[in-house]
N, C-alpha and C. Protein backbone atom coordinates (compact mmCIF):
# COMPACT_ATOMS: atom_id res chain seq x y z
N MET A 1 0.84 -1.16 0.00
CA MET A 1 0.00 0.00 0.00
C MET A 1 0.90 1.24 0.00
N THR A 2 0.55 2.20 -0.80
CA THR A 2 1.33 3.43 -0.87
C THR A 2 0.76 4.46 0.09
N TYR A 3 1.52 5.53 0.31
CA TYR A 3 1.03 6.60 1.18
C TYR A 3 -0.23 7.23 0.60
N LYS A 4 -0.29 7.36 -0.72
CA LYS A 4 -1.49 7.93 -1.34
C LYS A 4 -2.70 7.06 -1.03
N GLN A 5 -2.51 5.76 -1.06
CA GLN A 5 -3.62 4.87 -0.77
C GLN A 5 -4.03 4.97 0.70
N VAL A 6 -3.06 5.12 1.59
CA VAL A 6 -3.36 5.29 3.01
C VAL A 6 -4.19 6.54 3.22
N TYR A 7 -3.78 7.66 2.63
CA TYR A 7 -4.53 8.91 2.78
C TYR A 7 -5.90 8.81 2.11
N TYR A 8 -5.99 8.07 1.03
CA TYR A 8 -7.28 7.85 0.38
C TYR A 8 -8.22 7.10 1.32
N LEU A 9 -7.72 6.08 2.00
CA LEU A 9 -8.55 5.32 2.94
C LEU A 9 -9.02 6.19 4.10
N VAL A 10 -8.13 7.07 4.57
CA VAL A 10 -8.52 7.99 5.65
C VAL A 10 -9.61 8.93 5.15
N TRP A 11 -9.45 9.46 3.94
CA TRP A 11 -10.46 10.35 3.38
C TRP A 11 -11.79 9.62 3.19
N CYS A 12 -11.75 8.34 2.81
CA CYS A 12 -12.97 7.56 2.68
C CYS A 12 -13.69 7.42 4.02
N GLN A 13 -12.93 7.32 5.11
CA GLN A 13 -13.54 7.26 6.44
C GLN A 13 -14.29 8.55 6.74
N VAL A 14 -13.69 9.68 6.37
CA VAL A 14 -14.34 10.98 6.57
C VAL A 14 -15.64 11.04 5.77
N LEU A 15 -15.59 10.62 4.52
CA LEU A 15 -16.78 10.64 3.68
C LEU A 15 -17.87 9.73 4.22
N ASP A 16 -17.50 8.56 4.73
CA ASP A 16 -18.49 7.66 5.32
C ASP A 16 -19.19 8.30 6.51
N ILE A 17 -18.43 9.00 7.33
CA ILE A 17 -19.01 9.70 8.49
C ILE A 17 -20.01 10.75 8.01
N MET A 18 -19.62 11.48 6.98
CA MET A 18 -20.49 12.54 6.47
C MET A 18 -21.74 11.96 5.80
N LEU A 19 -21.60 10.86 5.06
CA LEU A 19 -22.76 10.24 4.41
C LEU A 19 -23.78 9.72 5.42
N LYS A 20 -23.31 9.25 6.56
CA LYS A 20 -24.21 8.78 7.61
C LYS A 20 -24.86 9.95 8.35
N GLY A 21 -24.29 11.14 8.19
CA GLY A 21 -24.82 12.31 8.90
C GLY A 21 -24.22 12.47 10.29
N ASP A 22 -23.22 11.64 10.60
CA ASP A 22 -22.62 11.70 11.94
C ASP A 22 -21.76 12.94 12.14
N HIS A 23 -21.45 13.66 11.08
CA HIS A 23 -20.65 14.88 11.22
C HIS A 23 -21.44 15.98 11.93
N LYS A 24 -22.72 15.76 12.10
CA LYS A 24 -23.58 16.76 12.74
C LYS A 24 -23.60 16.63 14.25
N ASN A 25 -23.02 15.54 14.78
CA ASN A 25 -22.94 15.42 16.24
C ASN A 25 -21.48 15.51 16.69
N MET A 26 -21.28 15.68 17.97
CA MET A 26 -19.93 15.94 18.49
C MET A 26 -18.98 14.78 18.26
N ASN A 27 -19.45 13.54 18.43
CA ASN A 27 -18.55 12.38 18.23
C ASN A 27 -18.06 12.30 16.80
N GLY A 28 -18.97 12.51 15.85
CA GLY A 28 -18.58 12.47 14.44
C GLY A 28 -17.61 13.59 14.10
N LEU A 29 -17.88 14.78 14.63
CA LEU A 29 -17.00 15.92 14.39
C LEU A 29 -15.60 15.66 14.95
N LEU A 30 -15.54 15.13 16.17
CA LEU A 30 -14.24 14.83 16.77
C LEU A 30 -13.49 13.76 15.98
N THR A 31 -14.21 12.79 15.45
CA THR A 31 -13.57 11.75 14.64
C THR A 31 -12.99 12.36 13.37
N ILE A 32 -13.74 13.23 12.72
CA ILE A 32 -13.25 13.88 11.50
C ILE A 32 -12.02 14.73 11.80
N ILE A 33 -12.04 15.45 12.88
CA ILE A 33 -10.90 16.31 13.23
C ILE A 33 -9.68 15.45 13.57
N SER A 34 -9.89 14.32 14.24
CA SER A 34 -8.75 13.45 14.55
C SER A 34 -8.18 12.82 13.29
N LEU A 35 -9.04 12.54 12.31
CA LEU A 35 -8.56 12.03 11.02
C LEU A 35 -7.83 13.12 10.25
N LYS A 36 -8.30 14.34 10.34
CA LYS A 36 -7.64 15.49 9.67
C LYS A 36 -6.22 15.65 10.18
N ALA A 37 -6.01 15.38 11.45
CA ALA A 37 -4.67 15.52 12.04
C ALA A 37 -3.67 14.54 11.43
N LEU A 38 -4.15 13.48 10.78
CA LEU A 38 -3.24 12.50 10.18
C LEU A 38 -2.60 12.99 8.89
N PHE A 39 -3.24 13.96 8.24
CA PHE A 39 -2.72 14.44 6.96
C PHE A 39 -1.49 15.33 7.19
N LYS A 40 -0.72 15.53 6.14
CA LYS A 40 0.54 16.28 6.25
C LYS A 40 0.33 17.70 6.75
N THR A 41 -0.80 18.31 6.39
CA THR A 41 -1.05 19.69 6.84
C THR A 41 -1.48 19.74 8.29
N SER A 42 -1.87 18.62 8.85
CA SER A 42 -2.25 18.48 10.25
C SER A 42 -3.38 19.44 10.60
N LEU A 43 -3.38 19.90 11.84
CA LEU A 43 -4.44 20.79 12.31
C LEU A 43 -3.96 22.23 12.34
N SER A 44 -4.87 23.13 12.06
CA SER A 44 -4.54 24.55 12.13
C SER A 44 -4.41 24.94 13.60
N PRO A 45 -3.72 26.04 13.89
CA PRO A 45 -3.61 26.49 15.28
C PRO A 45 -4.97 26.73 15.93
N LYS A 46 -5.95 27.20 15.17
CA LYS A 46 -7.28 27.43 15.72
C LYS A 46 -7.95 26.12 16.14
N LEU A 47 -7.80 25.08 15.32
CA LEU A 47 -8.37 23.78 15.69
C LEU A 47 -7.66 23.19 16.90
N LYS A 48 -6.36 23.37 16.98
CA LYS A 48 -5.61 22.87 18.14
C LYS A 48 -6.07 23.56 19.42
N LEU A 49 -6.36 24.85 19.34
CA LEU A 49 -6.86 25.59 20.51
C LEU A 49 -8.29 25.17 20.86
N ALA A 50 -9.11 24.95 19.83
CA ALA A 50 -10.50 24.60 20.07
C ALA A 50 -10.67 23.18 20.62
N PHE A 51 -9.76 22.28 20.26
CA PHE A 51 -9.85 20.89 20.70
C PHE A 51 -8.52 20.44 21.30
N PRO A 52 -8.16 20.95 22.48
CA PRO A 52 -6.84 20.63 23.04
C PRO A 52 -6.70 19.18 23.51
N ASN A 53 -7.80 18.53 23.87
CA ASN A 53 -7.73 17.16 24.40
C ASN A 53 -8.13 16.12 23.36
N LEU A 54 -7.92 16.44 22.10
CA LEU A 54 -8.31 15.56 21.01
C LEU A 54 -7.46 14.28 21.02
N ILE A 55 -8.14 13.16 20.92
CA ILE A 55 -7.45 11.87 20.82
C ILE A 55 -7.25 11.59 19.33
N LEU A 56 -6.01 11.47 18.91
CA LEU A 56 -5.70 11.32 17.50
C LEU A 56 -6.00 9.91 17.01
N ALA A 57 -6.49 9.83 15.79
CA ALA A 57 -6.73 8.55 15.14
C ALA A 57 -5.40 7.94 14.74
N LYS A 58 -5.42 6.66 14.47
CA LYS A 58 -4.20 5.98 14.04
C LYS A 58 -4.22 5.83 12.53
N LEU A 59 -3.07 6.06 11.94
CA LEU A 59 -2.90 5.92 10.50
C LEU A 59 -2.91 4.44 10.14
N PRO A 60 -3.62 4.04 9.08
CA PRO A 60 -3.57 2.64 8.66
C PRO A 60 -2.12 2.22 8.38
N LYS A 61 -1.85 0.93 8.57
CA LYS A 61 -0.48 0.44 8.36
C LYS A 61 -0.05 0.65 6.92
N TYR A 62 1.16 1.10 6.78
CA TYR A 62 1.77 1.31 5.47
C TYR A 62 2.81 0.23 5.26
N SER A 63 2.66 -0.50 4.17
CA SER A 63 3.70 -1.47 3.82
C SER A 63 3.91 -1.41 2.31
N LEU A 64 5.13 -1.27 1.93
CA LEU A 64 5.47 -1.16 0.52
C LEU A 64 5.32 -2.52 -0.15
N ASN A 65 4.57 -2.56 -1.23
CA ASN A 65 4.35 -3.79 -1.99
C ASN A 65 5.29 -3.79 -3.19
N LEU A 66 6.40 -4.48 -3.07
CA LEU A 66 7.40 -4.51 -4.13
C LEU A 66 6.98 -5.40 -5.30
N ASN A 67 5.91 -6.17 -5.14
CA ASN A 67 5.44 -7.03 -6.22
C ASN A 67 4.86 -6.24 -7.38
N VAL A 68 4.41 -5.01 -7.14
CA VAL A 68 3.80 -4.22 -8.22
C VAL A 68 4.85 -3.51 -9.06
N ILE A 69 6.10 -3.52 -8.62
CA ILE A 69 7.15 -2.85 -9.37
C ILE A 69 7.59 -3.75 -10.51
N ASN A 70 7.30 -3.31 -11.72
CA ASN A 70 7.72 -4.02 -12.92
C ASN A 70 8.15 -2.98 -13.94
N ILE A 71 8.48 -3.40 -15.14
CA ILE A 71 9.02 -2.49 -16.15
C ILE A 71 7.99 -1.43 -16.56
N GLN A 72 6.70 -1.82 -16.63
CA GLN A 72 5.66 -0.86 -16.98
C GLN A 72 5.49 0.20 -15.88
N TRP A 73 5.54 -0.24 -14.63
CA TRP A 73 5.44 0.67 -13.50
C TRP A 73 6.60 1.66 -13.52
N LEU A 74 7.80 1.15 -13.73
CA LEU A 74 8.99 1.99 -13.78
C LEU A 74 8.92 2.97 -14.94
N ALA A 75 8.44 2.51 -16.10
CA ALA A 75 8.31 3.39 -17.26
C ALA A 75 7.30 4.51 -16.97
N GLY A 76 6.22 4.19 -16.26
CA GLY A 76 5.24 5.22 -15.92
C GLY A 76 5.80 6.26 -15.00
N ILE A 77 6.61 5.84 -14.02
CA ILE A 77 7.25 6.80 -13.09
C ILE A 77 8.22 7.70 -13.87
N ILE A 78 9.05 7.10 -14.71
CA ILE A 78 10.03 7.88 -15.47
C ILE A 78 9.32 8.84 -16.43
N ASN A 79 8.25 8.38 -17.06
CA ASN A 79 7.50 9.23 -17.98
C ASN A 79 6.88 10.41 -17.23
N ALA A 80 6.43 10.20 -16.01
CA ALA A 80 5.83 11.28 -15.23
C ALA A 80 6.89 12.32 -14.83
N LEU A 81 8.12 11.90 -14.69
CA LEU A 81 9.19 12.80 -14.27
C LEU A 81 9.73 13.64 -15.43
N ILE A 82 9.52 13.16 -16.64
CA ILE A 82 10.09 13.85 -17.80
C ILE A 82 9.20 14.98 -18.26
């Protein structure tokens, strides 16, 4: 799994919460904010002040899958860099 896939899964969790309507209650909001903290931009200073006792969510396990690396994969990476 790549980091992009990990962040995609985290974003899917946020969307699931919103689709259920749980973002309208405090537990759902706190879950979304704790998931937001996992992203590279993390939390803004205002959010950190507003939720000082926030329990952070855990990032899904990241493990590099070397089986997907083949000549086509490598060609795609090189082509993207050029």
